[in-house]
Amino acid sequence: MDEAQNPGLIAERLRRAVDLLDARFARLDNDQLHRASLLEQRLESLERSQADQEARLRAVAEGVIRLNTQGSLAAIGQSMLSLILAALAAWVGAR
């Protein structure tokens, strides 16, 4: 019997082709969902890393500001002490 004359055989082959295509589409959908999940995890990781880096930069900036303030206060104190000592030396020298 020829394949063209047996409609049951052709129908079975078509069903098999449809099943194969459905399985392939399902696999592609699963692959796509998996890739989307991986990309989402990577994006979350990068966002956490960026937030951590921003926190470190803020901490460093605060440290620099604190150091500059302390340096300025130390310079002011040194200047005040120099003025006091100069005034004291002038007063002692005048006597």
PDB file of N, CA and C in Angstrom:
ATOM      1  N   MET A   1       0.836  -1.174   0.000  1.00  0.00           N
ATOM      2  CA  MET A   1       0.000   0.000   0.000  1.00  0.00           C
ATOM      3  C   MET A   1       0.882   1.238   0.000  1.00  0.00           C
ATOM      4  N   ASP A   2       0.546   2.198  -0.817  1.00  0.00           N
ATOM      5  CA  ASP A   2       1.302   3.424  -0.968  1.00  0.00           C
ATOM      6  C   ASP A   2       0.951   4.399   0.164  1.00  0.00           C
ATOM      7  N   GLU A   3       1.957   5.234   0.591  1.00  0.00           N
ATOM      8  CA  GLU A   3       1.729   6.182   1.684  1.00  0.00           C
ATOM      9  C   GLU A   3       0.648   7.189   1.334  1.00  0.00           C
ATOM     10  N   ALA A   4       0.598   7.624   0.099  1.00  0.00           N
ATOM     11  CA  ALA A   4      -0.390   8.607  -0.322  1.00  0.00           C
ATOM     12  C   ALA A   4      -1.793   8.036  -0.245  1.00  0.00           C
ATOM     13  N   GLN A   5      -1.931   6.723  -0.317  1.00  0.00           N
ATOM     14  CA  GLN A   5      -3.251   6.100  -0.285  1.00  0.00           C
ATOM     15  C   GLN A   5      -3.703   5.796   1.144  1.00  0.00           C
ATOM     16  N   ASN A   6      -2.827   5.908   2.120  1.00  0.00           N
ATOM     17  CA  ASN A   6      -3.186   5.601   3.504  1.00  0.00           C
ATOM     18  C   ASN A   6      -3.313   6.898   4.305  1.00  0.00           C
ATOM     19  N   PRO A   7      -4.522   7.429   4.452  1.00  0.00           N
ATOM     20  CA  PRO A   7      -4.714   8.695   5.157  1.00  0.00           C
ATOM     21  C   PRO A   7      -4.385   8.565   6.647  1.00  0.00           C
ATOM     22  N   GLY A   8      -4.534   7.400   7.230  1.00  0.00           N
ATOM     23  CA  GLY A   8      -4.215   7.212   8.646  1.00  0.00           C
ATOM     24  C   GLY A   8      -2.738   7.412   8.912  1.00  0.00           C
ATOM     25  N   LEU A   9      -1.893   6.911   7.992  1.00  0.00           N
ATOM     26  CA  LEU A   9      -0.450   7.066   8.142  1.00  0.00           C
ATOM     27  C   LEU A   9      -0.041   8.533   8.010  1.00  0.00           C
ATOM     28  N   ILE A  10      -0.645   9.234   7.062  1.00  0.00           N
ATOM     29  CA  ILE A  10      -0.349  10.656   6.875  1.00  0.00           C
ATOM     30  C   ILE A  10      -0.809  11.450   8.098  1.00  0.00           C
ATOM     31  N   ALA A  11      -1.979  11.142   8.611  1.00  0.00           N
ATOM     32  CA  ALA A  11      -2.495  11.834   9.790  1.00  0.00           C
ATOM     33  C   ALA A  11      -1.593  11.592  10.997  1.00  0.00           C
ATOM     34  N   GLU A  12      -1.123  10.371  11.145  1.00  0.00           N
ATOM     35  CA  GLU A  12      -0.227  10.041  12.261  1.00  0.00           C
ATOM     36  C   GLU A  12       1.091  10.802  12.149  1.00  0.00           C
ATOM     37  N   ARG A  13       1.613  10.894  10.933  1.00  0.00           N
ATOM     38  CA  ARG A  13       2.848  11.646  10.731  1.00  0.00           C
ATOM     39  C   ARG A  13       2.638  13.141  11.004  1.00  0.00           C
ATOM     40  N   LEU A  14       1.504  13.673  10.611  1.00  0.00           N
ATOM     41  CA  LEU A  14       1.206  15.078  10.887  1.00  0.00           C
ATOM     42  C   LEU A  14       1.077  15.327  12.390  1.00  0.00           C
ATOM     43  N   ARG A  15       0.396  14.387  13.094  1.00  0.00           N
ATOM     44  CA  ARG A  15       0.274  14.516  14.548  1.00  0.00           C
ATOM     45  C   ARG A  15       1.649  14.477  15.204  1.00  0.00           C
ATOM     46  N   ARG A  16       2.499  13.608  14.708  1.00  0.00           N
ATOM     47  CA  ARG A  16       3.863  13.497  15.236  1.00  0.00           C
ATOM     48  C   ARG A  16       4.631  14.793  14.988  1.00  0.00           C
ATOM     49  N   ALA A  17       4.505  15.377  13.820  1.00  0.00           N
ATOM     50  CA  ALA A  17       5.173  16.641  13.501  1.00  0.00           C
ATOM     51  C   ALA A  17       4.653  17.762  14.401  1.00  0.00           C
ATOM     52  N   VAL A  18       3.338  17.786  14.614  1.00  0.00           N
ATOM     53  CA  VAL A  18       2.753  18.800  15.488  1.00  0.00           C
ATOM     54  C   VAL A  18       3.256  18.610  16.912  1.00  0.00           C
ATOM     55  N   ASP A  19       3.328  17.366  17.384  1.00  0.00           N
ATOM     56  CA  ASP A  19       3.840  17.097  18.730  1.00  0.00           C
ATOM     57  C   ASP A  19       5.299  17.548  18.864  1.00  0.00           C
ATOM     58  N   LEU A  20       6.097  17.271  17.830  1.00  0.00           N
ATOM     59  CA  LEU A  20       7.494  17.699  17.861  1.00  0.00           C
ATOM     60  C   LEU A  20       7.612  19.219  17.903  1.00  0.00           C
ATOM     61  N   LEU A  21       6.766  19.894  17.101  1.00  0.00           N
ATOM     62  CA  LEU A  21       6.785  21.362  17.107  1.00  0.00           C
ATOM     63  C   LEU A  21       6.326  21.916  18.454  1.00  0.00           C
ATOM     64  N   ASP A  22       5.284  21.312  19.031  1.00  0.00           N
ATOM     65  CA  ASP A  22       4.817  21.748  20.347  1.00  0.00           C
ATOM     66  C   ASP A  22       5.901  21.567  21.400  1.00  0.00           C
ATOM     67  N   ALA A  23       6.588  20.434  21.346  1.00  0.00           N
ATOM     68  CA  ALA A  23       7.668  20.189  22.306  1.00  0.00           C
ATOM     69  C   ALA A  23       8.792  21.206  22.125  1.00  0.00           C
ATOM     70  N   ARG A  24       9.098  21.521  20.883  1.00  0.00           N
ATOM     71  CA  ARG A  24      10.163  22.501  20.631  1.00  0.00           C
ATOM     72  C   ARG A  24       9.762  23.884  21.133  1.00  0.00           C
ATOM     73  N   PHE A  25       8.528  24.294  20.869  1.00  0.00           N
ATOM     74  CA  PHE A  25       8.056  25.581  21.361  1.00  0.00           C
ATOM     75  C   PHE A  25       8.053  25.623  22.880  1.00  0.00           C
ATOM     76  N   ALA A  26       7.656  24.522  23.519  1.00  0.00           N
ATOM     77  CA  ALA A  26       7.666  24.466  24.981  1.00  0.00           C
ATOM     78  C   ALA A  26       9.098  24.606  25.507  1.00  0.00           C
ATOM     79  N   ARG A  27      10.043  23.933  24.863  1.00  0.00           N
ATOM     80  CA  ARG A  27      11.440  24.023  25.281  1.00  0.00           C
ATOM     81  C   ARG A  27      11.965  25.443  25.089  1.00  0.00           C
ATOM     82  N   LEU A  28      11.609  26.064  23.971  1.00  0.00           N
ATOM     83  CA  LEU A  28      12.030  27.442  23.729  1.00  0.00           C
ATOM     84  C   LEU A  28      11.428  28.397  24.761  1.00  0.00           C
ATOM     85  N   ASP A  29      10.174  28.177  25.119  1.00  0.00           N
ATOM     86  CA  ASP A  29       9.543  28.999  26.155  1.00  0.00           C
ATOM     87  C   ASP A  29      10.270  28.830  27.488  1.00  0.00           C
ATOM     88  N   ASN A  30      10.587  27.585  27.836  1.00  0.00           N
ATOM     89  CA  ASN A  30      11.308  27.335  29.089  1.00  0.00           C
ATOM     90  C   ASN A  30      12.689  27.979  29.060  1.00  0.00           C
ATOM     91  N   ASP A  31      13.375  27.869  27.930  1.00  0.00           N
ATOM     92  CA  ASP A  31      14.688  28.504  27.801  1.00  0.00           C
ATOM     93  C   ASP A  31      14.574  30.021  27.958  1.00  0.00           C
ATOM     94  N   GLN A  32      13.556  30.588  27.340  1.00  0.00           N
ATOM     95  CA  GLN A  32      13.351  32.039  27.426  1.00  0.00           C
ATOM     96  C   GLN A  32      13.061  32.459  28.866  1.00  0.00           C
ATOM     97  N   LEU A  33      12.227  31.704  29.569  1.00  0.00           N
ATOM     98  CA  LEU A  33      11.933  32.023  30.968  1.00  0.00           C
ATOM     99  C   LEU A  33      13.188  31.899  31.828  1.00  0.00           C
ATOM    100  N   HIS A  34      13.989  30.884  31.551  1.00  0.00           N
ATOM    101  CA  HIS A  34      15.221  30.691  32.306  1.00  0.00           C
ATOM    102  C   HIS A  34      16.189  31.852  32.075  1.00  0.00           C
ATOM    103  N   ARG A  35      16.327  32.262  30.824  1.00  0.00           N
ATOM    104  CA  ARG A  35      17.207  33.395  30.512  1.00  0.00           C
ATOM    105  C   ARG A  35      16.702  34.679  31.162  1.00  0.00           C
ATOM    106  N   ALA A  36      15.402  34.879  31.141  1.00  0.00           N
ATOM    107  CA  ALA A  36      14.837  36.074  31.777  1.00  0.00           C
ATOM    108  C   ALA A  36      15.107  36.056  33.278  1.00  0.00           C
ATOM    109  N   SER A  37      14.983  34.885  33.882  1.00  0.00           N
ATOM    110  CA  SER A  37      15.254  34.755  35.311  1.00  0.00           C
ATOM    111  C   SER A  37      16.719  35.054  35.617  1.00  0.00           C
ATOM    112  N   LEU A  38      17.623  34.527  34.797  1.00  0.00           N
ATOM    113  CA  LEU A  38      19.053  34.788  34.999  1.00  0.00           C
ATOM    114  C   LEU A  38      19.372  36.273  34.835  1.00  0.00           C
ATOM    115  N   LEU A  39      18.770  36.906  33.825  1.00  0.00           N
ATOM    116  CA  LEU A  39      19.000  38.333  33.612  1.00  0.00           C
ATOM    117  C   LEU A  39      18.473  39.161  34.784  1.00  0.00           C
ATOM    118  N   GLU A  40      17.334  38.763  35.319  1.00  0.00           N
ATOM    119  CA  GLU A  40      16.769  39.470  36.465  1.00  0.00           C
ATOM    120  C   GLU A  40      17.675  39.337  37.685  1.00  0.00           C
ATOM    121  N   GLN A  41      18.198  38.124  37.918  1.00  0.00           N
ATOM    122  CA  GLN A  41      19.119  37.913  39.037  1.00  0.00           C
ATOM    123  C   GLN A  41      20.388  38.741  38.858  1.00  0.00           C
ATOM    124  N   ARG A  42      20.890  38.781  37.637  1.00  0.00           N
ATOM    125  CA  ARG A  42      22.105  39.555  37.377  1.00  0.00           C
ATOM    126  C   ARG A  42      21.852  41.039  37.585  1.00  0.00           C
ATOM    127  N   LEU A  43      20.705  41.516  37.133  1.00  0.00           N
ATOM    128  CA  LEU A  43      20.362  42.923  37.315  1.00  0.00           C
ATOM    129  C   LEU A  43      20.250  43.262  38.798  1.00  0.00           C
ATOM    130  N   GLU A  44      19.611  42.385  39.568  1.00  0.00           N
ATOM    131  CA  GLU A  44      19.503  42.613  41.013  1.00  0.00           C
ATOM    132  C   GLU A  44      20.882  42.643  41.657  1.00  0.00           C
ATOM    133  N   SER A  45      21.755  41.753  41.226  1.00  0.00           N
ATOM    134  CA  SER A  45      23.116  41.720  41.761  1.00  0.00           C
ATOM    135  C   SER A  45      23.857  43.014  41.434  1.00  0.00           C
ATOM    136  N   LEU A  46      23.714  43.486  40.211  1.00  0.00           N
ATOM    137  CA  LEU A  46      24.367  44.739  39.821  1.00  0.00           C
ATOM    138  C   LEU A  46      23.807  45.931  40.591  1.00  0.00           C
ATOM    139  N   GLU A  47      22.501  45.924  40.838  1.00  0.00           N
ATOM    140  CA  GLU A  47      21.894  47.013  41.601  1.00  0.00           C
ATOM    141  C   GLU A  47      22.401  47.006  43.037  1.00  0.00           C
ATOM    142  N   ARG A  48      22.523  45.798  43.640  1.00  0.00           N
ATOM    143  CA  ARG A  48      23.065  45.716  44.998  1.00  0.00           C
ATOM    144  C   ARG A  48      24.511  46.196  45.026  1.00  0.00           C
ATOM    145  N   SER A  49      25.265  45.818  44.024  1.00  0.00           N
ATOM    146  CA  SER A  49      26.666  46.233  43.936  1.00  0.00           C
ATOM    147  C   SER A  49      26.768  47.748  43.797  1.00  0.00           C
ATOM    148  N   GLN A  50      25.915  48.324  42.992  1.00  0.00           N
ATOM    149  CA  GLN A  50      25.918  49.776  42.807  1.00  0.00           C
ATOM    150  C   GLN A  50      25.543  50.479  44.107  1.00  0.00           C
ATOM    151  N   ALA A  51      24.538  49.976  44.809  1.00  0.00           N
ATOM    152  CA  ALA A  51      24.135  50.591  46.074  1.00  0.00           C
ATOM    153  C   ALA A  51      25.274  50.500  47.090  1.00  0.00           C
ATOM    154  N   ASP A  52      25.972  49.366  47.113  1.00  0.00           N
ATOM    155  CA  ASP A  52      27.104  49.196  48.017  1.00  0.00           C
ATOM    156  C   ASP A  52      28.214  50.178  47.671  1.00  0.00           C
ATOM    157  N   GLN A  53      28.488  50.330  46.400  1.00  0.00           N
ATOM    158  CA  GLN A  53      29.531  51.266  45.953  1.00  0.00           C
ATOM    159  C   GLN A  53      29.158  52.697  46.313  1.00  0.00           C
ATOM    160  N   GLU A  54      27.893  53.056  46.147  1.00  0.00           N
ATOM    161  CA  GLU A  54      27.448  54.407  46.502  1.00  0.00           C
ATOM    162  C   GLU A  54      27.592  54.647  48.001  1.00  0.00           C
ATOM    163  N   ALA A  55      27.275  53.631  48.811  1.00  0.00           N
ATOM    164  CA  ALA A  55      27.420  53.763  50.260  1.00  0.00           C
ATOM    165  C   ALA A  55      28.888  53.954  50.634  1.00  0.00           C
ATOM    166  N   ARG A  56      29.778  53.215  49.978  1.00  0.00           N
ATOM    167  CA  ARG A  56      31.213  53.383  50.251  1.00  0.00           C
ATOM    168  C   ARG A  56      31.686  54.781  49.861  1.00  0.00           C
ATOM    169  N   LEU A  57      31.229  55.273  48.711  1.00  0.00           N
ATOM    170  CA  LEU A  57      31.626  56.621  48.280  1.00  0.00           C
ATOM    171  C   LEU A  57      31.132  57.685  49.259  1.00  0.00           C
ATOM    172  N   ARG A  58      29.904  57.526  49.753  1.00  0.00           N
ATOM    173  CA  ARG A  58      29.379  58.477  50.747  1.00  0.00           C
ATOM    174  C   ARG A  58      30.219  58.446  52.016  1.00  0.00           C
ATOM    175  N   ALA A  59      30.582  57.239  52.457  1.00  0.00           N
ATOM    176  CA  ALA A  59      31.398  57.105  53.671  1.00  0.00           C
ATOM    177  C   ALA A  59      32.760  57.769  53.478  1.00  0.00           C
ATOM    178  N   VAL A  60      33.349  57.579  52.318  1.00  0.00           N
ATOM    179  CA  VAL A  60      34.648  58.208  52.045  1.00  0.00           C
ATOM    180  C   VAL A  60      34.502  59.721  52.002  1.00  0.00           C
ATOM    181  N   ALA A  61      33.451  60.214  51.370  1.00  0.00           N
ATOM    182  CA  ALA A  61      33.230  61.659  51.292  1.00  0.00           C
ATOM    183  C   ALA A  61      33.039  62.246  52.691  1.00  0.00           C
ATOM    184  N   GLU A  62      32.284  61.551  53.544  1.00  0.00           N
ATOM    185  CA  GLU A  62      32.089  62.035  54.919  1.00  0.00           C
ATOM    186  C   GLU A  62      33.412  62.040  55.677  1.00  0.00           C
ATOM    187  N   GLY A  63      34.238  61.025  55.449  1.00  0.00           N
ATOM    188  CA  GLY A  63      35.544  60.975  56.101  1.00  0.00           C
ATOM    189  C   GLY A  63      36.439  62.119  55.663  1.00  0.00           C
ATOM    190  N   VAL A  64      36.413  62.436  54.384  1.00  0.00           N
ATOM    191  CA  VAL A  64      37.226  63.547  53.875  1.00  0.00           C
ATOM    192  C   VAL A  64      36.745  64.863  54.468  1.00  0.00           C
ATOM    193  N   ILE A  65      35.449  65.046  54.530  1.00  0.00           N
ATOM    194  CA  ILE A  65      34.903  66.281  55.111  1.00  0.00           C
ATOM    195  C   ILE A  65      35.309  66.395  56.577  1.00  0.00           C
ATOM    196  N   ARG A  66      35.195  65.288  57.304  1.00  0.00           N
ATOM    197  CA  ARG A  66      35.566  65.277  58.718  1.00  0.00           C
ATOM    198  C   ARG A  66      37.059  65.605  58.878  1.00  0.00           C
ATOM    199  N   LEU A  67      37.891  65.012  58.029  1.00  0.00           N
ATOM    200  CA  LEU A  67      39.331  65.260  58.092  1.00  0.00           C
ATOM    201  C   LEU A  67      39.652  66.714  57.772  1.00  0.00           C
ATOM    202  N   ASN A  68      39.002  67.265  56.766  1.00  0.00           N
ATOM    203  CA  ASN A  68      39.227  68.674  56.427  1.00  0.00           C
ATOM    204  C   ASN A  68      38.795  69.591  57.563  1.00  0.00           C
ATOM    205  N   THR A  69      37.683  69.263  58.193  1.00  0.00           N
ATOM    206  CA  THR A  69      37.197  70.073  59.310  1.00  0.00           C
ATOM    207  C   THR A  69      38.183  70.021  60.475  1.00  0.00           C
ATOM    208  N   GLN A  70      38.654  68.824  60.795  1.00  0.00           N
ATOM    209  CA  GLN A  70      39.611  68.686  61.890  1.00  0.00           C
ATOM    210  C   GLN A  70      40.911  69.413  61.567  1.00  0.00           C
ATOM    211  N   GLY A  71      41.352  69.326  60.323  1.00  0.00           N
ATOM    212  CA  GLY A  71      42.565  70.042  59.910  1.00  0.00           C
ATOM    213  C   GLY A  71      42.395  71.543  60.028  1.00  0.00           C
ATOM    214  N   SER A  72      41.249  72.036  59.625  1.00  0.00           N
ATOM    215  CA  SER A  72      40.974  73.475  59.721  1.00  0.00           C
ATOM    216  C   SER A  72      40.932  73.924  61.180  1.00  0.00           C
ATOM    217  N   LEU A  73      40.281  73.128  62.029  1.00  0.00           N
ATOM    218  CA  LEU A  73      40.222  73.475  63.455  1.00  0.00           C
ATOM    219  C   LEU A  73      41.613  73.441  64.076  1.00  0.00           C
ATOM    220  N   ALA A  74      42.438  72.493  63.681  1.00  0.00           N
ATOM    221  CA  ALA A  74      43.804  72.424  64.203  1.00  0.00           C
ATOM    222  C   ALA A  74      44.607  73.648  63.753  1.00  0.00           C
ATOM    223  N   ALA A  75      44.445  74.064  62.521  1.00  0.00           N
ATOM    224  CA  ALA A  75      45.153  75.252  62.020  1.00  0.00           C
ATOM    225  C   ALA A  75      44.700  76.497  62.764  1.00  0.00           C
ATOM    226  N   ILE A  76      43.394  76.601  63.025  1.00  0.00           N
ATOM    227  CA  ILE A  76      42.874  77.749  63.772  1.00  0.00           C
ATOM    228  C   ILE A  76      43.442  77.752  65.182  1.00  0.00           C
ATOM    229  N   GLY A  77      43.477  76.573  65.801  1.00  0.00           N
ATOM    230  CA  GLY A  77      44.035  76.473  67.153  1.00  0.00           C
ATOM    231  C   GLY A  77      45.505  76.853  67.187  1.00  0.00           C
ATOM    232  N   GLN A  78      46.248  76.399  66.192  1.00  0.00           N
ATOM    233  CA  GLN A  78      47.666  76.738  66.115  1.00  0.00           C
ATOM    234  C   GLN A  78      47.851  78.247  65.927  1.00  0.00           C
ATOM    235  N   SER A  79      47.037  78.850  65.095  1.00  0.00           N
ATOM    236  CA  SER A  79      47.120  80.297  64.875  1.00  0.00           C
ATOM    237  C   SER A  79      46.796  81.052  66.164  1.00  0.00           C
ATOM    238  N   MET A  80      45.777  80.597  66.864  1.00  0.00           N
ATOM    239  CA  MET A  80      45.399  81.251  68.124  1.00  0.00           C
ATOM    240  C   MET A  80      46.528  81.134  69.150  1.00  0.00           C
ATOM    241  N   LEU A  81      47.125  79.947  69.233  1.00  0.00           N
ATOM    242  CA  LEU A  81      48.223  79.745  70.168  1.00  0.00           C
ATOM    243  C   LEU A  81      49.410  80.629  69.792  1.00  0.00           C
ATOM    244  N   SER A  82      49.698  80.738  68.492  1.00  0.00           N
ATOM    245  CA  SER A  82      50.788  81.615  68.035  1.00  0.00           C
ATOM    246  C   SER A  82      50.521  83.066  68.413  1.00  0.00           C
ATOM    247  N   LEU A  83      49.270  83.518  68.240  1.00  0.00           N
ATOM    248  CA  LEU A  83      48.927  84.902  68.611  1.00  0.00           C
ATOM    249  C   LEU A  83      49.072  85.131  70.109  1.00  0.00           C
ATOM    250  N   ILE A  84      48.627  84.146  70.887  1.00  0.00           N
ATOM    251  CA  ILE A  84      48.732  84.273  72.348  1.00  0.00           C
ATOM    252  C   ILE A  84      50.199  84.327  72.764  1.00  0.00           C
ATOM    253  N   LEU A  85      51.012  83.409  72.187  1.00  0.00           N
ATOM    254  CA  LEU A  85      52.432  83.395  72.531  1.00  0.00           C
ATOM    255  C   LEU A  85      53.133  84.677  72.071  1.00  0.00           C
ATOM    256  N   ALA A  86      52.751  85.198  70.907  1.00  0.00           N
ATOM    257  CA  ALA A  86      53.343  86.450  70.430  1.00  0.00           C
ATOM    258  C   ALA A  86      52.961  87.602  71.345  1.00  0.00           C
ATOM    259  N   ALA A  87      51.704  87.635  71.757  1.00  0.00           N
ATOM    260  CA  ALA A  87      51.261  88.696  72.673  1.00  0.00           C
ATOM    261  C   ALA A  87      51.970  88.568  74.011  1.00  0.00           C
ATOM    262  N   LEU A  88      52.142  87.335  74.489  1.00  0.00           N
ATOM    263  CA  LEU A  88      52.831  87.109  75.753  1.00  0.00           C
ATOM    264  C   LEU A  88      54.308  87.516  75.630  1.00  0.00           C
ATOM    265  N   ALA A  89      54.927  87.171  74.491  1.00  0.00           N
ATOM    266  CA  ALA A  89      56.332  87.548  74.285  1.00  0.00           C
ATOM    267  C   ALA A  89      56.475  89.067  74.214  1.00  0.00           C
ATOM    268  N   ALA A  90      55.528  89.726  73.571  1.00  0.00           N
ATOM    269  CA  ALA A  90      55.572  91.192  73.481  1.00  0.00           C
ATOM    270  C   ALA A  90      55.372  91.820  74.862  1.00  0.00           C
ATOM    271  N   TRP A  91      54.515  91.238  75.628  1.00  0.00           N
ATOM    272  CA  TRP A  91      54.246  91.782  76.976  1.00  0.00           C
ATOM    273  C   TRP A  91      55.452  91.577  77.882  1.00  0.00           C
ATOM    274  N   VAL A  92      56.080  90.361  77.773  1.00  0.00           N
ATOM    275  CA  VAL A  92      57.271  90.094  78.577  1.00  0.00           C
ATOM    276  C   VAL A  92      58.429  90.965  78.102  1.00  0.00           C
ATOM    277  N   GLY A  93      58.540  91.161  76.814  1.00  0.00           N
ATOM    278  CA  GLY A  93      59.622  91.983  76.262  1.00  0.00           C
ATOM    279  C   GLY A  93      59.463  93.459  76.611  1.00  0.00           C
ATOM    280  N   ALA A  94      58.252  93.903  76.792  1.00  0.00           N
ATOM    281  CA  ALA A  94      57.994  95.309  77.099  1.00  0.00           C
ATOM    282  C   ALA A  94      58.341  95.608  78.548  1.00  0.00           C
ATOM    283  N   ARG A  95      58.421  94.652  79.392  1.00  0.00           N
ATOM    284  CA  ARG A  95      58.696  94.882  80.808  1.00  0.00           C
ATOM    285  C   ARG A  95      60.114  94.988  81.014  1.00  0.00           C
TER     286      ARG A  95
END
